[in-house]
Amino acid sequence: MANPESPALPKINKIIKILIFSDVLILGSFGFLNPIFAIFINDNIIGGSLEVAGIAAAIYLLVKASLQIPIGRYVDKDRKDKNDFWFLVVGSLLIAIVPILYSFSTFPWHIYLLQVVYGIGAAMSFTTWFALFTRHIDKFHEAYEWAVYDTATGITAGICAAIGGLLAERLGFNFIFYLTSIITLSGSFLLLAIYNRVLLWDSGRKEQN
């Protein structure tokens, strides 16, 4: 039986809240691209095809996968939240510029190059995001806070994917690309709200939530 004095919903500390909300903006906004990316490549890139779209997706995944373990090893060895924080911010900013640059792409190699940048940014940001989240998660509420994160990002990405095609149909691909980048940039800059708390953690002082 639940303790009647326990709050219905556990309190989440500020660092975790910001990390969750930042990823809601970043991952959610990329949901806009899910229904249109292959169509954009097929219809707007010279020599574009579904094969090119598949290669582009593979490049992103392979670059991201190949870099995550070395970055993770460095993060574990370094053990400084400040450095992890800047890895996260820079990686998020790299991700944010990619959709804007899609709008200037003409040939498949442009898309492939951008997918490399996307993969590098994702490897930097995803790895350090998980490290920071794991270190600062509230003790005894781990399952709840991971569930909040996964639910929030999943619902947002699903909603954005549902309306991405509609917006592209009515307003064009470039509108989707710029919208995605603007929202992703907002999520990246939001991370600056926890910078001072990260410094406090590194210095060993008690964090005020």
N, C-alpha and C. Protein backbone atom coordinates (compact mmCIF):
# COMPACT_ATOMS: atom_id res chain seq x y z
N MET A 1 0.85 -1.20 0.00
CA MET A 1 0.00 0.00 0.00
C MET A 1 0.88 1.24 0.00
N ALA A 2 0.52 2.24 -0.80
CA ALA A 2 1.33 3.43 -0.92
C ALA A 2 1.29 4.24 0.36
N ASN A 3 2.38 4.92 0.66
CA ASN A 3 2.45 5.79 1.82
C ASN A 3 1.59 7.02 1.55
N PRO A 4 0.55 7.31 2.39
CA PRO A 4 -0.33 8.43 2.13
C PRO A 4 0.37 9.78 2.18
N GLU A 5 1.58 9.82 2.82
CA GLU A 5 2.31 11.06 2.90
C GLU A 5 3.19 11.31 1.68
N SER A 6 3.35 10.28 0.83
CA SER A 6 4.18 10.41 -0.36
C SER A 6 3.43 11.20 -1.42
N PRO A 7 4.11 12.07 -2.17
CA PRO A 7 3.44 12.80 -3.24
C PRO A 7 3.00 11.87 -4.35
N ALA A 8 1.90 12.22 -5.00
CA ALA A 8 1.39 11.39 -6.07
C ALA A 8 2.41 11.25 -7.19
N LEU A 9 3.11 12.36 -7.49
CA LEU A 9 4.15 12.33 -8.51
C LEU A 9 5.45 12.83 -7.89
N PRO A 10 6.52 12.04 -7.96
CA PRO A 10 7.80 12.45 -7.37
C PRO A 10 8.31 13.75 -7.99
N LYS A 11 9.00 14.54 -7.19
CA LYS A 11 9.60 15.78 -7.68
C LYS A 11 10.83 15.44 -8.50
N ILE A 12 10.97 16.11 -9.63
CA ILE A 12 12.11 15.91 -10.52
C ILE A 12 13.05 17.10 -10.39
N ASN A 13 14.34 16.85 -10.20
CA ASN A 13 15.27 17.97 -10.03
C ASN A 13 15.44 18.74 -11.35
N LYS A 14 15.96 19.96 -11.23
CA LYS A 14 15.98 20.88 -12.37
C LYS A 14 16.85 20.37 -13.52
N ILE A 15 17.99 19.77 -13.22
CA ILE A 15 18.85 19.29 -14.30
C ILE A 15 18.12 18.25 -15.14
N ILE A 16 17.45 17.33 -14.48
CA ILE A 16 16.71 16.29 -15.21
C ILE A 16 15.56 16.91 -16.01
N LYS A 17 14.86 17.87 -15.42
CA LYS A 17 13.77 18.54 -16.14
C LYS A 17 14.27 19.19 -17.42
N ILE A 18 15.38 19.93 -17.32
CA ILE A 18 15.92 20.62 -18.49
C ILE A 18 16.40 19.63 -19.54
N LEU A 19 17.08 18.56 -19.10
CA LEU A 19 17.53 17.54 -20.05
C LEU A 19 16.35 16.91 -20.79
N ILE A 20 15.28 16.65 -20.06
CA ILE A 20 14.10 16.06 -20.70
C ILE A 20 13.47 17.04 -21.68
N PHE A 21 13.26 18.28 -21.24
CA PHE A 21 12.58 19.24 -22.10
C PHE A 21 13.42 19.57 -23.33
N SER A 22 14.75 19.64 -23.16
CA SER A 22 15.62 19.88 -24.30
C SER A 22 15.48 18.78 -25.34
N ASP A 23 15.47 17.53 -24.88
CA ASP A 23 15.34 16.42 -25.83
C ASP A 23 13.95 16.34 -26.43
N VAL A 24 12.94 16.77 -25.69
CA VAL A 24 11.59 16.84 -26.25
C VAL A 24 11.59 17.77 -27.47
N LEU A 25 12.26 18.91 -27.34
CA LEU A 25 12.32 19.85 -28.46
C LEU A 25 13.16 19.30 -29.61
N ILE A 26 14.32 18.72 -29.29
CA ILE A 26 15.23 18.27 -30.34
C ILE A 26 14.69 17.03 -31.06
N LEU A 27 14.39 15.99 -30.29
CA LEU A 27 13.90 14.75 -30.91
C LEU A 27 12.50 14.94 -31.48
N GLY A 28 11.69 15.73 -30.78
CA GLY A 28 10.33 15.97 -31.27
C GLY A 28 10.34 16.69 -32.60
N SER A 29 11.19 17.73 -32.73
CA SER A 29 11.21 18.50 -33.98
C SER A 29 11.68 17.65 -35.16
N PHE A 30 12.60 16.72 -34.91
CA PHE A 30 13.04 15.86 -36.01
C PHE A 30 11.94 14.89 -36.45
N GLY A 31 10.89 14.78 -35.64
CA GLY A 31 9.73 14.01 -36.08
C GLY A 31 9.08 14.60 -37.32
N PHE A 32 9.23 15.91 -37.50
CA PHE A 32 8.68 16.55 -38.71
C PHE A 32 9.29 15.95 -39.97
N LEU A 33 10.56 15.54 -39.88
CA LEU A 33 11.28 15.06 -41.07
C LEU A 33 10.95 13.62 -41.44
N ASN A 34 10.49 12.85 -40.47
CA ASN A 34 10.31 11.41 -40.71
C ASN A 34 9.44 11.08 -41.92
N PRO A 35 8.28 11.73 -42.10
CA PRO A 35 7.44 11.34 -43.23
C PRO A 35 7.85 11.93 -44.57
N ILE A 36 8.81 12.86 -44.58
CA ILE A 36 9.09 13.59 -45.83
C ILE A 36 10.51 13.43 -46.36
N PHE A 37 11.43 12.93 -45.55
CA PHE A 37 12.84 12.99 -45.93
C PHE A 37 13.11 12.20 -47.22
N ALA A 38 12.63 10.98 -47.30
CA ALA A 38 12.87 10.17 -48.50
C ALA A 38 12.20 10.80 -49.72
N ILE A 39 11.02 11.38 -49.52
CA ILE A 39 10.32 12.03 -50.63
C ILE A 39 11.09 13.25 -51.11
N PHE A 40 11.61 14.02 -50.15
CA PHE A 40 12.42 15.19 -50.50
C PHE A 40 13.62 14.78 -51.35
N ILE A 41 14.33 13.76 -50.94
CA ILE A 41 15.51 13.30 -51.68
C ILE A 41 15.10 12.83 -53.08
N ASN A 42 14.04 12.07 -53.15
CA ASN A 42 13.59 11.51 -54.43
C ASN A 42 13.16 12.59 -55.42
N ASP A 43 12.50 13.63 -54.90
CA ASP A 43 11.89 14.65 -55.77
C ASP A 43 12.74 15.89 -55.97
N ASN A 44 13.68 16.16 -55.07
CA ASN A 44 14.37 17.45 -55.11
C ASN A 44 15.88 17.38 -55.27
N ILE A 45 16.44 16.20 -55.16
CA ILE A 45 17.89 16.04 -55.31
C ILE A 45 18.19 15.46 -56.69
N ILE A 46 19.12 16.08 -57.40
CA ILE A 46 19.50 15.59 -58.72
C ILE A 46 20.13 14.19 -58.58
N GLY A 47 19.51 13.22 -59.22
CA GLY A 47 19.96 11.84 -59.07
C GLY A 47 19.44 11.19 -57.80
N GLY A 48 18.53 11.88 -57.12
CA GLY A 48 17.97 11.34 -55.88
C GLY A 48 17.03 10.18 -56.13
N SER A 49 16.96 9.29 -55.17
CA SER A 49 16.10 8.11 -55.28
C SER A 49 15.89 7.55 -53.88
N LEU A 50 15.06 6.54 -53.78
CA LEU A 50 14.88 5.89 -52.49
C LEU A 50 16.16 5.19 -52.06
N GLU A 51 16.95 4.76 -53.04
CA GLU A 51 18.25 4.16 -52.72
C GLU A 51 19.16 5.18 -52.05
N VAL A 52 19.18 6.39 -52.58
CA VAL A 52 19.98 7.46 -51.99
C VAL A 52 19.51 7.74 -50.56
N ALA A 53 18.20 7.75 -50.37
CA ALA A 53 17.65 7.97 -49.02
C ALA A 53 18.11 6.88 -48.06
N GLY A 54 18.12 5.64 -48.54
CA GLY A 54 18.58 4.53 -47.71
C GLY A 54 20.05 4.64 -47.36
N ILE A 55 20.87 5.02 -48.35
CA ILE A 55 22.30 5.20 -48.09
C ILE A 55 22.51 6.33 -47.10
N ALA A 56 21.75 7.41 -47.24
CA ALA A 56 21.87 8.54 -46.32
C ALA A 56 21.56 8.13 -44.89
N ALA A 57 20.50 7.35 -44.72
CA ALA A 57 20.14 6.87 -43.39
C ALA A 57 21.24 5.98 -42.82
N ALA A 58 21.82 5.13 -43.68
CA ALA A 58 22.89 4.23 -43.24
C ALA A 58 24.13 5.02 -42.81
N ILE A 59 24.48 6.05 -43.56
CA ILE A 59 25.65 6.86 -43.22
C ILE A 59 25.48 7.47 -41.84
N TYR A 60 24.33 8.05 -41.57
CA TYR A 60 24.07 8.64 -40.25
C TYR A 60 24.24 7.60 -39.15
N LEU A 61 23.61 6.45 -39.32
CA LEU A 61 23.64 5.43 -38.27
C LEU A 61 25.04 4.87 -38.05
N LEU A 62 25.78 4.67 -39.14
CA LEU A 62 27.13 4.10 -39.02
C LEU A 62 28.10 5.09 -38.37
N VAL A 63 28.01 6.36 -38.77
CA VAL A 63 28.87 7.37 -38.16
C VAL A 63 28.56 7.51 -36.68
N LYS A 64 27.30 7.60 -36.34
CA LYS A 64 26.89 7.72 -34.94
C LYS A 64 27.36 6.51 -34.13
N ALA A 65 27.12 5.32 -34.66
CA ALA A 65 27.48 4.09 -33.95
C ALA A 65 28.99 3.96 -33.77
N SER A 66 29.76 4.37 -34.76
CA SER A 66 31.22 4.20 -34.70
C SER A 66 31.87 5.17 -33.72
N LEU A 67 31.22 6.28 -33.42
CA LEU A 67 31.81 7.30 -32.55
C LEU A 67 31.32 7.23 -31.11
N GLN A 68 30.20 6.60 -30.87
CA GLN A 68 29.62 6.63 -29.53
C GLN A 68 30.50 5.95 -28.48
N ILE A 69 31.09 4.80 -28.82
CA ILE A 69 31.92 4.10 -27.83
C ILE A 69 33.18 4.89 -27.50
N PRO A 70 33.95 5.42 -28.47
CA PRO A 70 35.10 6.25 -28.10
C PRO A 70 34.71 7.47 -27.27
N ILE A 71 33.61 8.12 -27.62
CA ILE A 71 33.17 9.27 -26.84
C ILE A 71 32.75 8.84 -25.45
N GLY A 72 32.06 7.72 -25.36
CA GLY A 72 31.66 7.20 -24.06
C GLY A 72 32.85 6.87 -23.18
N ARG A 73 33.88 6.31 -23.78
CA ARG A 73 35.10 5.99 -23.02
C ARG A 73 35.75 7.27 -22.50
N TYR A 74 35.79 8.29 -23.34
CA TYR A 74 36.37 9.57 -22.92
C TYR A 74 35.55 10.19 -21.80
N VAL A 75 34.23 10.17 -21.92
CA VAL A 75 33.35 10.74 -20.91
C VAL A 75 33.55 10.04 -19.57
N ASP A 76 33.63 8.72 -19.58
CA ASP A 76 33.82 7.97 -18.34
C ASP A 76 35.19 8.24 -17.71
N LYS A 77 36.19 8.42 -18.55
CA LYS A 77 37.54 8.68 -18.05
C LYS A 77 37.67 10.09 -17.51
N ASP A 78 37.04 11.04 -18.20
CA ASP A 78 37.16 12.45 -17.82
C ASP A 78 36.39 12.77 -16.54
N ARG A 79 35.15 12.29 -16.45
CA ARG A 79 34.32 12.44 -15.25
C ARG A 79 34.06 13.88 -14.85
N LYS A 80 34.08 14.80 -15.80
CA LYS A 80 33.77 16.20 -15.49
C LYS A 80 32.49 16.59 -16.21
N ASP A 81 31.48 16.96 -15.44
CA ASP A 81 30.21 17.35 -16.04
C ASP A 81 30.35 18.56 -16.95
N LYS A 82 31.27 19.47 -16.61
CA LYS A 82 31.45 20.66 -17.43
C LYS A 82 31.84 20.29 -18.86
N ASN A 83 32.80 19.39 -19.01
CA ASN A 83 33.23 18.98 -20.35
C ASN A 83 32.12 18.21 -21.07
N ASP A 84 31.43 17.35 -20.33
CA ASP A 84 30.31 16.62 -20.92
C ASP A 84 29.23 17.57 -21.39
N PHE A 85 28.99 18.61 -20.60
CA PHE A 85 27.98 19.61 -20.95
C PHE A 85 28.29 20.27 -22.29
N TRP A 86 29.55 20.66 -22.49
CA TRP A 86 29.90 21.33 -23.74
C TRP A 86 29.91 20.37 -24.92
N PHE A 87 30.25 19.11 -24.68
CA PHE A 87 30.08 18.09 -25.72
C PHE A 87 28.62 18.03 -26.14
N LEU A 88 27.72 18.03 -25.15
CA LEU A 88 26.29 17.95 -25.40
C LEU A 88 25.79 19.16 -26.18
N VAL A 89 26.21 20.36 -25.78
CA VAL A 89 25.75 21.58 -26.45
C VAL A 89 26.26 21.64 -27.89
N VAL A 90 27.56 21.39 -28.07
CA VAL A 90 28.13 21.45 -29.42
C VAL A 90 27.50 20.39 -30.32
N GLY A 91 27.33 19.18 -29.79
CA GLY A 91 26.68 18.13 -30.57
C GLY A 91 25.27 18.50 -30.97
N SER A 92 24.53 19.11 -30.05
CA SER A 92 23.15 19.52 -30.34
C SER A 92 23.12 20.62 -31.41
N LEU A 93 24.08 21.54 -31.35
CA LEU A 93 24.15 22.60 -32.35
C LEU A 93 24.48 22.05 -33.73
N LEU A 94 25.35 21.04 -33.79
CA LEU A 94 25.65 20.39 -35.08
C LEU A 94 24.38 19.76 -35.65
N ILE A 95 23.63 19.11 -34.79
CA ILE A 95 22.36 18.51 -35.24
C ILE A 95 21.43 19.59 -35.77
N ALA A 96 21.39 20.74 -35.08
CA ALA A 96 20.44 21.79 -35.43
C ALA A 96 20.69 22.41 -36.79
N ILE A 97 21.96 22.48 -37.22
CA ILE A 97 22.24 23.14 -38.50
C ILE A 97 21.96 22.24 -39.70
N VAL A 98 21.86 20.94 -39.47
CA VAL A 98 21.70 20.00 -40.57
C VAL A 98 20.41 20.24 -41.37
N PRO A 99 19.23 20.37 -40.73
CA PRO A 99 18.02 20.56 -41.54
C PRO A 99 18.06 21.82 -42.40
N ILE A 100 18.62 22.92 -41.88
CA ILE A 100 18.73 24.13 -42.70
C ILE A 100 19.56 23.85 -43.95
N LEU A 101 20.66 23.14 -43.78
CA LEU A 101 21.55 22.86 -44.90
C LEU A 101 20.94 21.88 -45.91
N TYR A 102 19.97 21.07 -45.46
CA TYR A 102 19.24 20.23 -46.42
C TYR A 102 18.62 21.08 -47.52
N SER A 103 18.12 22.26 -47.14
CA SER A 103 17.41 23.10 -48.10
C SER A 103 18.33 23.63 -49.19
N PHE A 104 19.65 23.63 -48.94
CA PHE A 104 20.61 24.10 -49.95
C PHE A 104 21.22 22.94 -50.74
N SER A 105 20.84 21.73 -50.43
CA SER A 105 21.42 20.55 -51.08
C SER A 105 20.89 20.36 -52.49
N THR A 106 21.77 19.93 -53.37
CA THR A 106 21.41 19.70 -54.77
C THR A 106 21.71 18.28 -55.21
N PHE A 107 22.84 17.74 -54.77
CA PHE A 107 23.30 16.42 -55.21
C PHE A 107 23.34 15.45 -54.02
N PRO A 108 23.32 14.15 -54.32
CA PRO A 108 23.37 13.16 -53.24
C PRO A 108 24.54 13.34 -52.29
N TRP A 109 25.72 13.73 -52.81
CA TRP A 109 26.88 13.84 -51.94
C TRP A 109 26.69 14.94 -50.90
N HIS A 110 25.87 15.95 -51.23
CA HIS A 110 25.55 16.98 -50.24
C HIS A 110 24.82 16.35 -49.05
N ILE A 111 23.84 15.51 -49.38
CA ILE A 111 23.07 14.83 -48.34
C ILE A 111 23.96 13.90 -47.53
N TYR A 112 24.83 13.17 -48.22
CA TYR A 112 25.73 12.24 -47.52
C TYR A 112 26.64 12.99 -46.54
N LEU A 113 27.19 14.12 -46.99
CA LEU A 113 28.06 14.91 -46.12
C LEU A 113 27.31 15.41 -44.89
N LEU A 114 26.09 15.86 -45.10
CA LEU A 114 25.28 16.34 -43.97
C LEU A 114 24.93 15.21 -43.01
N GLN A 115 24.76 14.02 -43.55
CA GLN A 115 24.49 12.88 -42.68
C GLN A 115 25.70 12.53 -41.80
N VAL A 116 26.90 12.77 -42.32
CA VAL A 116 28.10 12.60 -41.51
C VAL A 116 28.10 13.60 -40.36
N VAL A 117 27.80 14.87 -40.67
CA VAL A 117 27.72 15.90 -39.63
C VAL A 117 26.65 15.54 -38.60
N TYR A 118 25.51 15.10 -39.10
CA TYR A 118 24.41 14.68 -38.22
C TYR A 118 24.86 13.53 -37.31
N GLY A 119 25.56 12.56 -37.86
CA GLY A 119 26.03 11.43 -37.07
C GLY A 119 27.04 11.84 -36.01
N ILE A 120 27.96 12.77 -36.36
CA ILE A 120 28.93 13.26 -35.38
C ILE A 120 28.22 13.99 -34.25
N GLY A 121 27.29 14.88 -34.62
CA GLY A 121 26.55 15.62 -33.61
C GLY A 121 25.74 14.72 -32.71
N ALA A 122 25.10 13.71 -33.29
CA ALA A 122 24.30 12.78 -32.50
C ALA A 122 25.16 11.96 -31.55
N ALA A 123 26.32 11.52 -32.02
CA ALA A 123 27.21 10.74 -31.16
C ALA A 123 27.69 11.58 -29.98
N MET A 124 28.02 12.84 -30.23
CA MET A 124 28.47 13.73 -29.16
C MET A 124 27.35 14.01 -28.16
N SER A 125 26.18 14.34 -28.68
CA SER A 125 25.10 14.79 -27.80
C SER A 125 24.41 13.63 -27.10
N PHE A 126 24.12 12.54 -27.80
CA PHE A 126 23.40 11.43 -27.19
C PHE A 126 24.22 10.80 -26.07
N THR A 127 25.52 10.58 -26.34
CA THR A 127 26.36 9.91 -25.34
C THR A 127 26.48 10.74 -24.07
N THR A 128 26.74 12.03 -24.21
CA THR A 128 26.90 12.88 -23.02
C THR A 128 25.57 13.19 -22.36
N TRP A 129 24.48 13.23 -23.14
CA TRP A 129 23.15 13.42 -22.54
C TRP A 129 22.86 12.25 -21.59
N PHE A 130 23.09 11.03 -22.04
CA PHE A 130 22.83 9.87 -21.20
C PHE A 130 23.71 9.87 -19.95
N ALA A 131 24.97 10.32 -20.12
CA ALA A 131 25.88 10.37 -18.97
C ALA A 131 25.37 11.35 -17.92
N LEU A 132 25.00 12.56 -18.36
CA LEU A 132 24.50 13.57 -17.43
C LEU A 132 23.19 13.13 -16.79
N PHE A 133 22.31 12.56 -17.57
CA PHE A 133 21.02 12.12 -17.05
C PHE A 133 21.21 11.04 -15.99
N THR A 134 22.12 10.10 -16.27
CA THR A 134 22.37 9.01 -15.33
C THR A 134 22.96 9.52 -14.02
N ARG A 135 23.89 10.46 -14.11
CA ARG A 135 24.53 10.99 -12.91
C ARG A 135 23.58 11.79 -12.03
N HIS A 136 22.65 12.50 -12.66
CA HIS A 136 21.81 13.45 -11.90
C HIS A 136 20.40 12.93 -11.64
N ILE A 137 20.09 11.74 -12.08
CA ILE A 137 18.75 11.21 -11.87
C ILE A 137 18.46 11.09 -10.37
N ASP A 138 17.22 11.32 -9.97
CA ASP A 138 16.86 11.28 -8.55
C ASP A 138 16.83 9.84 -8.06
N LYS A 139 17.54 9.59 -6.98
CA LYS A 139 17.62 8.26 -6.42
C LYS A 139 16.24 7.76 -6.01
N PHE A 140 15.97 6.51 -6.29
CA PHE A 140 14.71 5.81 -6.00
C PHE A 140 13.57 6.21 -6.96
N HIS A 141 13.86 7.13 -7.91
CA HIS A 141 12.85 7.50 -8.89
C HIS A 141 13.37 7.28 -10.32
N GLU A 142 14.34 6.37 -10.45
CA GLU A 142 14.98 6.17 -11.74
C GLU A 142 13.98 5.71 -12.81
N ALA A 143 13.18 4.72 -12.49
CA ALA A 143 12.24 4.18 -13.49
C ALA A 143 11.22 5.24 -13.89
N TYR A 144 10.75 6.00 -12.91
CA TYR A 144 9.75 7.04 -13.17
C TYR A 144 10.32 8.11 -14.10
N GLU A 145 11.54 8.58 -13.83
CA GLU A 145 12.10 9.67 -14.62
C GLU A 145 12.49 9.22 -16.02
N TRP A 146 12.98 7.99 -16.16
CA TRP A 146 13.21 7.46 -17.51
C TRP A 146 11.89 7.32 -18.26
N ALA A 147 10.84 6.92 -17.56
CA ALA A 147 9.53 6.78 -18.19
C ALA A 147 8.98 8.13 -18.64
N VAL A 148 9.16 9.15 -17.80
CA VAL A 148 8.73 10.50 -18.17
C VAL A 148 9.46 10.96 -19.44
N TYR A 149 10.76 10.73 -19.47
CA TYR A 149 11.55 11.11 -20.63
C TYR A 149 11.07 10.40 -21.90
N ASP A 150 10.96 9.08 -21.83
CA ASP A 150 10.60 8.32 -23.01
C ASP A 150 9.18 8.64 -23.47
N THR A 151 8.27 8.84 -22.53
CA THR A 151 6.90 9.18 -22.88
C THR A 151 6.82 10.55 -23.53
N ALA A 152 7.49 11.53 -22.93
CA ALA A 152 7.43 12.90 -23.45
C ALA A 152 8.03 13.01 -24.84
N THR A 153 9.22 12.41 -25.05
CA THR A 153 9.84 12.48 -26.37
C THR A 153 9.07 11.67 -27.40
N GLY A 154 8.53 10.53 -26.97
CA GLY A 154 7.78 9.68 -27.91
C GLY A 154 6.50 10.34 -28.37
N ILE A 155 5.75 10.91 -27.45
CA ILE A 155 4.49 11.58 -27.81
C ILE A 155 4.76 12.77 -28.72
N THR A 156 5.76 13.57 -28.36
CA THR A 156 6.06 14.76 -29.17
C THR A 156 6.51 14.39 -30.58
N ALA A 157 7.41 13.41 -30.68
CA ALA A 157 7.87 12.98 -32.01
C ALA A 157 6.72 12.41 -32.82
N GLY A 158 5.82 11.67 -32.15
CA GLY A 158 4.68 11.11 -32.86
C GLY A 158 3.75 12.17 -33.40
N ILE A 159 3.48 13.19 -32.59
CA ILE A 159 2.61 14.29 -33.04
C ILE A 159 3.26 15.04 -34.19
N CYS A 160 4.56 15.32 -34.06
CA CYS A 160 5.25 16.04 -35.13
C CYS A 160 5.29 15.22 -36.42
N ALA A 161 5.49 13.92 -36.31
CA ALA A 161 5.49 13.07 -37.50
C ALA A 161 4.12 13.07 -38.17
N ALA A 162 3.06 13.10 -37.35
CA ALA A 162 1.70 13.08 -37.89
C ALA A 162 1.39 14.32 -38.71
N ILE A 163 1.95 15.46 -38.29
CA ILE A 163 1.63 16.71 -39.00
C ILE A 163 2.74 17.16 -39.95
N GLY A 164 3.89 16.46 -39.94
CA GLY A 164 5.00 16.86 -40.80
C GLY A 164 4.65 16.82 -42.27
N GLY A 165 3.99 15.73 -42.68
CA GLY A 165 3.60 15.62 -44.08
C GLY A 165 2.61 16.69 -44.49
N LEU A 166 1.67 16.98 -43.61
CA LEU A 166 0.67 18.01 -43.90
C LEU A 166 1.32 19.38 -44.07
N LEU A 167 2.24 19.72 -43.18
CA LEU A 167 2.92 21.01 -43.28
C LEU A 167 3.77 21.09 -44.55
N ALA A 168 4.45 20.00 -44.89
CA ALA A 168 5.28 19.99 -46.09
C ALA A 168 4.43 20.15 -47.34
N GLU A 169 3.28 19.50 -47.33
CA GLU A 169 2.38 19.58 -48.49
C GLU A 169 1.88 21.00 -48.70
N ARG A 170 1.57 21.69 -47.63
CA ARG A 170 0.97 23.02 -47.72
C ARG A 170 2.00 24.14 -47.76
N LEU A 171 3.13 23.97 -47.07
CA LEU A 171 4.08 25.06 -46.91
C LEU A 171 5.45 24.77 -47.52
N GLY A 172 5.68 23.54 -47.93
CA GLY A 172 6.92 23.20 -48.60
C GLY A 172 7.98 22.59 -47.69
N PHE A 173 8.94 21.94 -48.34
CA PHE A 173 10.01 21.27 -47.59
C PHE A 173 10.85 22.26 -46.79
N ASN A 174 11.17 23.41 -47.39
CA ASN A 174 12.04 24.36 -46.71
C ASN A 174 11.43 24.85 -45.40
N PHE A 175 10.13 25.00 -45.38
CA PHE A 175 9.47 25.40 -44.13
C PHE A 175 9.74 24.38 -43.04
N ILE A 176 9.63 23.10 -43.38
CA ILE A 176 9.88 22.03 -42.41
C ILE A 176 11.33 22.05 -41.94
N PHE A 177 12.25 22.24 -42.88
CA PHE A 177 13.67 22.24 -42.52
C PHE A 177 13.99 23.39 -41.56
N TYR A 178 13.50 24.58 -41.87
CA TYR A 178 13.78 25.73 -41.01
C TYR A 178 13.08 25.61 -39.67
N LEU A 179 11.86 25.12 -39.68
CA LEU A 179 11.13 24.93 -38.43
C LEU A 179 11.86 23.94 -37.52
N THR A 180 12.32 22.84 -38.12
CA THR A 180 13.06 21.83 -37.34
C THR A 180 14.33 22.41 -36.74
N SER A 181 15.07 23.18 -37.54
CA SER A 181 16.31 23.76 -37.03
C SER A 181 16.04 24.78 -35.93
N ILE A 182 15.03 25.59 -36.07
CA ILE A 182 14.72 26.60 -35.06
C ILE A 182 14.36 25.94 -33.73
N ILE A 183 13.52 24.91 -33.80
CA ILE A 183 13.12 24.23 -32.56
C ILE A 183 14.31 23.50 -31.94
N THR A 184 15.14 22.88 -32.79
CA THR A 184 16.32 22.18 -32.28
C THR A 184 17.31 23.15 -31.64
N LEU A 185 17.49 24.31 -32.25
CA LEU A 185 18.34 25.33 -31.64
C LEU A 185 17.80 25.78 -30.29
N SER A 186 16.48 25.90 -30.20
CA SER A 186 15.86 26.28 -28.92
C SER A 186 16.17 25.24 -27.85
N GLY A 187 16.08 23.96 -28.22
CA GLY A 187 16.42 22.88 -27.28
C GLY A 187 17.88 22.90 -26.88
N SER A 188 18.75 23.27 -27.83
CA SER A 188 20.18 23.34 -27.54
C SER A 188 20.50 24.47 -26.57
N PHE A 189 19.95 25.65 -26.84
CA PHE A 189 20.22 26.81 -25.97
C PHE A 189 19.56 26.66 -24.61
N LEU A 190 18.48 25.89 -24.53
CA LEU A 190 17.84 25.64 -23.25
C LEU A 190 18.80 24.98 -22.27
N LEU A 191 19.73 24.20 -22.80
CA LEU A 191 20.69 23.50 -21.94
C LEU A 191 21.54 24.46 -21.11
N LEU A 192 21.70 25.69 -21.59
CA LEU A 192 22.50 26.67 -20.87
C LEU A 192 21.91 26.97 -19.49
N ALA A 193 20.62 26.67 -19.30
CA ALA A 193 19.96 26.92 -18.03
C ALA A 193 20.52 26.06 -16.90
N ILE A 194 21.21 24.97 -17.24
CA ILE A 194 21.74 24.10 -16.19
C ILE A 194 23.25 24.23 -16.04
N TYR A 195 23.86 25.16 -16.75
CA TYR A 195 25.32 25.27 -16.73
C TYR A 195 25.85 25.53 -15.32
N ASN A 196 25.26 26.48 -14.62
CA ASN A 196 25.74 26.79 -13.26
C ASN A 196 25.59 25.60 -12.32
N ARG A 197 24.53 24.84 -12.47
CA ARG A 197 24.33 23.67 -11.62
C ARG A 197 25.35 22.58 -11.95
N VAL A 198 25.72 22.50 -13.21
CA VAL A 198 26.77 21.55 -13.60
C VAL A 198 28.09 21.93 -12.95
N LEU A 199 28.40 23.25 -12.91
CA LEU A 199 29.62 23.71 -12.27
C LEU A 199 29.60 23.40 -10.77
N LEU A 200 28.43 23.58 -10.14
CA LEU A 200 28.30 23.27 -8.72
C LEU A 200 28.56 21.79 -8.46
N TRP A 201 28.05 20.96 -9.35
CA TRP A 201 28.26 19.52 -9.20
C TRP A 201 29.73 19.19 -9.30
N ASP A 202 30.41 19.78 -10.27
CA ASP A 202 31.84 19.51 -10.45
C ASP A 202 32.66 19.99 -9.25
N SER A 203 32.24 21.08 -8.65
CA SER A 203 33.00 21.62 -7.52
C SER A 203 32.68 20.92 -6.21
N GLY A 204 31.71 20.03 -6.21
CA GLY A 204 31.39 19.26 -5.03
C GLY A 204 30.44 19.94 -4.07
N ARG A 205 29.92 21.12 -4.44
CA ARG A 205 28.98 21.80 -3.57
C ARG A 205 27.59 21.21 -3.72
N LYS A 206 26.79 21.38 -2.72
CA LYS A 206 25.44 20.82 -2.72
C LYS A 206 24.58 21.53 -3.74
N GLU A 207 23.90 20.74 -4.56
CA GLU A 207 23.02 21.29 -5.60
C GLU A 207 21.68 21.72 -5.02
N GLN A 208 21.25 22.90 -5.37
CA GLN A 208 19.96 23.40 -4.91
C GLN A 208 18.91 23.13 -5.99
N ASN A 209 17.86 22.38 -5.67
CA ASN A 209 16.84 22.03 -6.64
C ASN A 209 15.60 22.88 -6.44
